[in-house]
Amino acid sequence: MSRGKYLSLEEARQTSQLGRFCEEHPSEADRGRFFALLDAMSKGALKGEETSQPDHAEGSNETRTRQGT
């Protein structure tokens, strides 16, 4: 166990005390923004919309590194 005041996440997971961990570390995140982002991520790209060029990464000079280097 930790010597500090608070339970670490790893200790909470190992001892099934995630509820205590959550009480000790309250979230300061914006719940609405989180769920909007999660919703957008779960939907993925719109049909016919590409997230990047299939051939080239932006700023790429098209050189390739040999495997094993």
N, C-alpha and C. Protein backbone atom coordinates (compact mmCIF):
# COMPACT_ATOMS: atom_id res chain seq x y z
N MET A 1 0.84 -1.19 0.00
CA MET A 1 0.00 0.00 0.00
C MET A 1 0.87 1.24 0.00
N SER A 2 0.30 2.33 -0.43
CA SER A 2 1.06 3.57 -0.47
C SER A 2 1.25 4.12 0.94
N ARG A 3 2.26 4.92 1.06
CA ARG A 3 2.55 5.53 2.35
C ARG A 3 1.87 6.89 2.46
N GLY A 4 1.38 7.41 1.34
CA GLY A 4 0.76 8.73 1.33
C GLY A 4 -0.68 8.69 1.82
N LYS A 5 -1.29 9.85 1.78
CA LYS A 5 -2.66 10.01 2.26
C LYS A 5 -3.68 9.39 1.31
N TYR A 6 -3.41 9.48 0.02
CA TYR A 6 -4.38 9.05 -0.98
C TYR A 6 -4.02 7.70 -1.58
N LEU A 7 -5.05 7.02 -2.04
CA LEU A 7 -4.93 5.72 -2.70
C LEU A 7 -4.52 5.95 -4.15
N SER A 8 -3.52 5.22 -4.64
CA SER A 8 -3.14 5.35 -6.04
C SER A 8 -4.12 4.56 -6.90
N LEU A 9 -4.17 4.89 -8.18
CA LEU A 9 -5.06 4.18 -9.09
C LEU A 9 -4.72 2.70 -9.15
N GLU A 10 -3.42 2.39 -9.22
CA GLU A 10 -3.01 0.99 -9.28
C GLU A 10 -3.45 0.23 -8.03
N GLU A 11 -3.29 0.85 -6.86
CA GLU A 11 -3.73 0.20 -5.62
C GLU A 11 -5.24 0.03 -5.59
N ALA A 12 -5.95 1.03 -6.08
CA ALA A 12 -7.41 0.95 -6.12
C ALA A 12 -7.86 -0.19 -7.02
N ARG A 13 -7.19 -0.36 -8.13
CA ARG A 13 -7.54 -1.44 -9.05
C ARG A 13 -7.25 -2.80 -8.44
N GLN A 14 -6.09 -2.92 -7.79
CA GLN A 14 -5.69 -4.20 -7.22
C GLN A 14 -6.56 -4.60 -6.02
N THR A 15 -7.04 -3.62 -5.26
CA THR A 15 -7.81 -3.92 -4.05
C THR A 15 -9.31 -3.70 -4.25
N SER A 16 -9.73 -3.47 -5.47
CA SER A 16 -11.16 -3.25 -5.79
C SER A 16 -11.74 -2.10 -4.98
N GLN A 17 -10.99 -1.01 -4.88
CA GLN A 17 -11.46 0.17 -4.14
C GLN A 17 -11.56 1.39 -5.07
N LEU A 18 -12.09 1.18 -6.26
CA LEU A 18 -12.20 2.27 -7.21
C LEU A 18 -13.15 3.36 -6.72
N GLY A 19 -14.15 2.99 -5.96
CA GLY A 19 -15.07 3.98 -5.39
C GLY A 19 -14.34 4.94 -4.47
N ARG A 20 -13.46 4.40 -3.63
CA ARG A 20 -12.67 5.25 -2.73
C ARG A 20 -11.75 6.16 -3.53
N PHE A 21 -11.12 5.61 -4.58
CA PHE A 21 -10.24 6.41 -5.42
C PHE A 21 -11.01 7.58 -6.04
N CYS A 22 -12.21 7.31 -6.54
CA CYS A 22 -13.03 8.37 -7.15
C CYS A 22 -13.40 9.45 -6.15
N GLU A 23 -13.68 9.06 -4.92
CA GLU A 23 -13.99 10.05 -3.88
C GLU A 23 -12.78 10.91 -3.56
N GLU A 24 -11.60 10.31 -3.56
CA GLU A 24 -10.38 11.04 -3.24
C GLU A 24 -9.91 11.94 -4.38
N HIS A 25 -10.31 11.62 -5.61
CA HIS A 25 -9.86 12.36 -6.79
C HIS A 25 -11.07 12.80 -7.62
N PRO A 26 -11.81 13.79 -7.15
CA PRO A 26 -13.00 14.22 -7.91
C PRO A 26 -12.61 14.85 -9.25
N SER A 27 -13.46 14.66 -10.23
CA SER A 27 -13.22 15.17 -11.57
C SER A 27 -13.54 16.65 -11.65
N GLU A 28 -12.72 17.37 -12.41
CA GLU A 28 -12.99 18.78 -12.66
C GLU A 28 -13.28 19.01 -14.14
N ALA A 29 -13.56 17.94 -14.84
CA ALA A 29 -13.79 18.01 -16.28
C ALA A 29 -15.18 18.53 -16.59
N ASP A 30 -15.35 19.00 -17.82
CA ASP A 30 -16.64 19.47 -18.30
C ASP A 30 -17.39 18.27 -18.86
N ARG A 31 -18.37 17.81 -18.13
CA ARG A 31 -19.12 16.60 -18.49
C ARG A 31 -19.76 16.70 -19.86
N GLY A 32 -20.34 17.84 -20.18
CA GLY A 32 -20.99 18.04 -21.48
C GLY A 32 -20.02 17.93 -22.64
N ARG A 33 -18.84 18.55 -22.50
CA ARG A 33 -17.83 18.47 -23.55
C ARG A 33 -17.30 17.05 -23.69
N PHE A 34 -17.15 16.36 -22.58
CA PHE A 34 -16.66 14.98 -22.63
C PHE A 34 -17.62 14.10 -23.43
N PHE A 35 -18.92 14.17 -23.13
CA PHE A 35 -19.87 13.31 -23.82
C PHE A 35 -20.04 13.71 -25.29
N ALA A 36 -19.89 15.00 -25.60
CA ALA A 36 -19.93 15.42 -27.00
C ALA A 36 -18.74 14.84 -27.76
N LEU A 37 -17.56 14.87 -27.15
CA LEU A 37 -16.37 14.30 -27.77
C LEU A 37 -16.50 12.79 -27.92
N LEU A 38 -16.97 12.13 -26.87
CA LEU A 38 -17.15 10.68 -26.92
C LEU A 38 -18.13 10.29 -28.02
N ASP A 39 -19.21 11.05 -28.15
CA ASP A 39 -20.20 10.78 -29.20
C ASP A 39 -19.58 10.95 -30.58
N ALA A 40 -18.81 12.02 -30.77
CA ALA A 40 -18.16 12.26 -32.07
C ALA A 40 -17.16 11.15 -32.38
N MET A 41 -16.41 10.72 -31.38
CA MET A 41 -15.41 9.66 -31.58
C MET A 41 -16.07 8.33 -31.93
N SER A 42 -17.20 8.05 -31.32
CA SER A 42 -17.86 6.77 -31.56
C SER A 42 -18.49 6.70 -32.94
N LYS A 43 -18.82 7.85 -33.51
CA LYS A 43 -19.43 7.87 -34.84
C LYS A 43 -18.39 7.73 -35.94
N GLY A 44 -17.17 8.17 -35.71
CA GLY A 44 -16.13 8.08 -36.73
C GLY A 44 -16.34 9.10 -37.82
N ALA A 45 -15.62 8.97 -38.90
CA ALA A 45 -15.72 9.88 -40.03
C ALA A 45 -17.03 9.66 -40.75
N LEU A 46 -17.56 10.73 -41.31
CA LEU A 46 -18.79 10.62 -42.09
C LEU A 46 -18.52 9.83 -43.36
N LYS A 47 -19.53 9.18 -43.86
CA LYS A 47 -19.38 8.37 -45.07
C LYS A 47 -18.87 9.26 -46.20
N GLY A 48 -17.83 8.81 -46.87
CA GLY A 48 -17.25 9.57 -47.96
C GLY A 48 -16.24 10.60 -47.52
N GLU A 49 -16.08 10.79 -46.22
CA GLU A 49 -15.13 11.77 -45.70
C GLU A 49 -13.86 11.04 -45.28
N GLU A 50 -12.72 11.54 -45.75
CA GLU A 50 -11.45 10.94 -45.38
C GLU A 50 -10.81 11.78 -44.29
N THR A 51 -10.16 11.11 -43.37
CA THR A 51 -9.50 11.84 -42.29
C THR A 51 -8.13 12.33 -42.71
N SER A 52 -7.50 11.72 -43.70
CA SER A 52 -6.21 12.17 -44.21
C SER A 52 -6.01 11.63 -45.61
N GLN A 53 -5.00 12.13 -46.27
CA GLN A 53 -4.67 11.65 -47.60
C GLN A 53 -4.24 10.19 -47.50
N PRO A 54 -4.75 9.31 -48.33
CA PRO A 54 -4.37 7.91 -48.24
C PRO A 54 -2.91 7.66 -48.63
N ASP A 55 -2.34 8.51 -49.50
CA ASP A 55 -0.99 8.27 -50.00
C ASP A 55 0.09 8.92 -49.15
N HIS A 56 -0.16 10.09 -48.63
CA HIS A 56 0.91 10.87 -48.02
C HIS A 56 0.47 11.46 -46.68
N ALA A 57 1.38 11.49 -45.75
CA ALA A 57 1.15 12.22 -44.51
C ALA A 57 1.54 13.67 -44.76
N GLU A 58 0.90 14.60 -44.09
CA GLU A 58 1.22 16.00 -44.26
C GLU A 58 2.68 16.25 -43.90
N GLY A 59 3.40 16.92 -44.79
CA GLY A 59 4.79 17.22 -44.53
C GLY A 59 5.74 16.07 -44.83
N SER A 60 5.23 15.00 -45.38
CA SER A 60 6.06 13.83 -45.66
C SER A 60 6.87 14.06 -46.93
N ASN A 61 8.11 13.58 -46.92
CA ASN A 61 8.90 13.64 -48.14
C ASN A 61 8.91 12.29 -48.84
N GLU A 62 8.01 11.42 -48.43
CA GLU A 62 7.79 10.11 -49.02
C GLU A 62 8.98 9.17 -48.90
N THR A 63 9.88 9.43 -47.97
CA THR A 63 10.97 8.47 -47.75
C THR A 63 10.48 7.42 -46.77
N ARG A 64 11.04 6.26 -46.87
CA ARG A 64 10.64 5.16 -45.99
C ARG A 64 11.86 4.64 -45.24
N THR A 65 11.62 4.23 -44.02
CA THR A 65 12.69 3.64 -43.21
C THR A 65 12.62 2.13 -43.34
N ARG A 66 13.77 1.50 -43.57
CA ARG A 66 13.79 0.06 -43.69
C ARG A 66 13.37 -0.58 -42.37
N GLN A 67 12.70 -1.72 -42.45
CA GLN A 67 12.31 -2.43 -41.26
C GLN A 67 13.54 -2.90 -40.51
N GLY A 68 13.44 -2.89 -39.20
CA GLY A 68 14.54 -3.37 -38.38
C GLY A 68 15.57 -2.31 -38.07
N THR A 69 15.28 -1.05 -38.45
CA THR A 69 16.24 0.02 -38.13
C THR A 69 15.77 0.84 -36.98
